[in-house]
Protein backbone atom coordinates (compact mmCIF):
# COMPACT_ATOMS: atom_id res chain seq x y z
CA MET A 1 -0.07 0.18 -0.05
CA ALA A 2 3.00 2.34 0.61
CA GLU A 3 4.36 1.78 -3.14
CA VAL A 4 0.09 3.04 -4.35
CA ASP A 5 0.26 5.73 -1.54
CA GLN A 6 3.53 6.97 -3.25
CA LEU A 7 2.14 7.22 -6.95
CA TYR A 8 -0.72 8.89 -5.46
CA ARG A 9 1.38 11.54 -3.75
CA GLU A 10 3.41 12.37 -7.02
CA VAL A 11 0.30 13.79 -8.49
CA GLY A 12 -1.01 15.61 -5.39
CA LEU A 13 -3.15 12.66 -3.93
CA ARG A 14 -3.07 10.07 -1.10
CA ARG A 15 -4.06 6.48 -0.67
CA THR A 16 -4.02 4.53 2.60
CA ARG A 17 -5.19 1.55 5.08
CA HIS A 18 -5.33 1.25 8.03
CA ILE A 19 -6.19 -1.80 10.22
CA TRP A 20 -7.97 -2.30 13.95
CA LEU A 21 -8.38 -5.61 15.34
CA ALA A 22 -10.31 -6.63 18.37
CA TYR A 23 -9.02 -9.70 20.69
CA ARG A 24 -10.61 -11.99 23.43
CA GLU A 25 -10.24 -10.70 26.36
CA TYR A 26 -6.96 -12.26 27.90
CA LYS A 27 -6.55 -14.02 24.32
CA ASP A 28 -3.99 -13.51 21.69
CA GLU A 29 -7.16 -14.51 19.43
CA PRO A 30 -8.24 -11.82 16.84
CA ILE A 31 -12.14 -12.01 16.66
CA GLY A 32 -13.01 -8.71 14.74
CA ALA A 33 -11.36 -6.41 12.86
CA VAL A 34 -11.78 -2.77 10.41
CA ILE A 35 -10.09 -1.74 7.56
CA ALA A 36 -10.40 1.78 6.66
CA TYR A 37 -9.68 2.67 2.93
CA ARG A 38 -9.20 6.44 2.40
CA GLY A 39 -8.46 7.52 -0.83
CA PRO A 40 -9.64 10.47 -3.20
CA LEU A 41 -13.15 10.87 -3.24
CA GLY A 42 -13.60 11.19 -7.24
CA LEU A 43 -16.87 10.28 -9.09
CA ASN A 44 -17.35 6.93 -7.93
CA PHE A 45 -21.06 7.49 -6.01
CA SER A 46 -20.19 3.84 -4.55
CA TYR A 47 -17.52 5.49 -2.16
CA ILE A 48 -15.74 1.74 -2.35
CA GLU A 49 -12.37 3.32 -2.64
CA ASN A 50 -13.41 4.93 1.13
CA ARG A 51 -14.96 2.04 2.34
CA CYS A 52 -14.72 0.64 6.09
CA ASP A 53 -14.48 -2.91 5.99
CA LEU A 54 -15.95 -4.32 9.07
CA LEU A 55 -14.96 -8.14 9.38
CA LEU A 56 -16.13 -10.31 12.54
CA HIS A 57 -15.32 -13.85 13.52
CA PRO A 58 -17.71 -15.96 12.62
CA THR A 59 -17.62 -17.85 16.43
CA LEU A 60 -17.97 -14.51 18.01
CA PRO A 61 -21.24 -14.51 20.77
CA GLU A 62 -24.22 -12.45 19.02
CA ALA A 63 -23.58 -10.94 22.79
CA ASP A 64 -20.49 -9.53 21.89
CA VAL A 65 -21.24 -8.44 18.46
CA GLU A 66 -22.45 -5.09 19.39
CA ASP A 67 -19.71 -4.21 22.27
CA VAL A 68 -17.11 -5.32 19.58
CA VAL A 69 -18.69 -3.27 16.03
CA ALA A 70 -18.91 -0.34 18.59
CA ALA A 71 -15.41 -0.92 19.56
CA LEU A 72 -13.75 -1.06 16.21
CA LEU A 73 -15.81 1.42 14.70
CA ARG A 74 -14.76 4.12 17.25
CA ALA A 75 -10.94 2.87 16.48
CA SER A 76 -11.47 3.61 12.97
CA SER A 77 -12.94 6.52 13.14
CA SER A 78 -9.77 8.26 13.37
CA ALA A 79 -8.89 7.49 9.88
CA TYR A 80 -12.58 9.55 8.61
CA GLU A 81 -11.86 12.47 10.47
CA ASP A 82 -11.16 14.48 7.58
CA PHE A 83 -13.33 12.89 5.06
CA GLU A 84 -15.33 15.11 2.95
CA LEU A 85 -18.66 13.37 3.85
CA ASP A 86 -20.58 13.37 7.12
CA THR A 87 -20.58 9.53 7.09
CA ILE A 88 -18.32 6.55 7.18
CA PRO A 89 -19.20 4.10 4.43
CA VAL A 90 -19.05 0.69 6.34
CA ILE A 91 -19.31 -2.63 4.32
CA ALA A 92 -20.26 -5.71 6.89
CA GLU A 93 -21.40 -9.11 6.22
CA GLU A 94 -24.63 -10.19 7.99
CA ILE A 95 -23.44 -11.00 11.33
CA GLY A 96 -22.41 -7.36 12.12
CA ALA A 97 -25.85 -5.82 10.63
CA PRO A 98 -28.11 -5.66 13.45
CA ALA A 99 -25.42 -4.01 15.64
CA LEU A 100 -24.56 -1.48 12.88
CA LEU A 101 -28.34 -0.47 12.66
CA GLN A 102 -28.85 -0.25 16.58
CA LEU A 103 -25.72 1.93 16.38
CA GLY A 104 -27.14 3.92 13.82
CA ALA A 105 -26.11 3.25 11.00
CA GLU A 106 -28.39 3.52 7.40
CA PHE A 107 -28.27 0.52 5.12
CA VAL A 108 -27.83 1.79 2.01
CA ARG A 109 -27.68 -1.35 -0.47
CA HIS A 110 -26.15 -5.13 -0.59
CA TYR A 111 -22.86 -5.30 -1.52
CA CYS A 112 -20.87 -8.27 -3.56
CA GLN A 113 -17.20 -8.00 -3.93
CA GLY A 114 -15.34 -10.73 -5.95
CA THR A 115 -11.29 -11.07 -6.53
CA TRP A 116 -9.92 -13.02 -8.98
CA LEU A 117 -6.45 -13.69 -10.16
CA GLN A 118 -5.18 -13.44 -13.84
CA SER A 119 -4.42 -17.38 -14.20
CA GLY A 120 -7.85 -18.35 -12.66
CA GLN A 121 -9.19 -16.26 -15.87
CA LEU A 122 -7.29 -16.02 -18.71
CA ARG A 123 -9.91 -16.31 -21.36
CA PHE A 124 -11.37 -13.58 -19.50
CA TYR A 125 -7.96 -11.10 -19.27
CA ARG A 126 -7.45 -12.36 -23.43
CA HIS A 127 -10.76 -10.95 -23.99
CA ILE A 128 -10.16 -7.20 -22.20
CA ASP A 129 -6.16 -7.54 -23.75
CA GLY A 130 -7.77 -7.64 -27.51
CA PHE A 131 -11.03 -4.84 -26.31
CA TYR A 132 -8.24 -2.80 -25.17
CA SER A 133 -5.77 -3.38 -28.13
CA ARG A 134 -8.25 -3.13 -30.47
CA LEU A 135 -9.40 0.59 -29.30
CA LEU A 136 -5.69 1.29 -28.78
CA ALA A 137 -4.87 0.72 -32.25
CA ARG A 138 -8.06 2.69 -33.57
CA ALA A 139 -6.93 5.35 -31.60
CA GLU A 140 -3.49 5.68 -33.19
CA LYS A 141 -4.87 5.18 -36.86
CA HIS A 142 -7.55 7.92 -36.32
CA SER A 143 -4.43 10.15 -34.89
CA MET A 144 -1.64 9.31 -37.41
CA GLN A 145 -4.16 9.92 -40.20
CA PRO A 146 -3.11 13.19 -42.13
CA SER A 147 -5.90 16.24 -41.82
CA LEU A 148 -5.95 18.06 -44.75
CA ILE A 149 -6.37 21.46 -43.77
CA GLY A 150 -7.22 24.50 -46.93
CA GLN A 151 -4.75 26.87 -47.15
CA GLY A 152 -5.76 30.35 -48.77
CA HIS A 153 -2.94 31.94 -50.97
């Protein structure tokens, strides 16, 4: 992430990620985490580049969920002190949703995120590469054609 942030800084922007963990009392066993992503607000109205991922251990007792969620959100709020919006876009699994609502969050929409590696999707990557190669070739062809401009004498 430091390398990505450096690229952003070269054009006057920032891109960071902060992580907080919650542990069971007197144990070295994480029971939850928040990952606060911060970047330029931009035109992506899902605000996904500035999301706060809330992750809870699936065995966390229901009675503890609200306290853990509240503690994690309190910790992560420091990453959003200078955020342009008056809200923190939180993405959570179903286990954390009731606690978020209880704490005053507003449900916006269901979200599904997927990740794949190039080696797992070779045909898709070839398709995208071919698509952009054709666009690039077309752009180069149009920019290299001489323009006829009338010249008066």
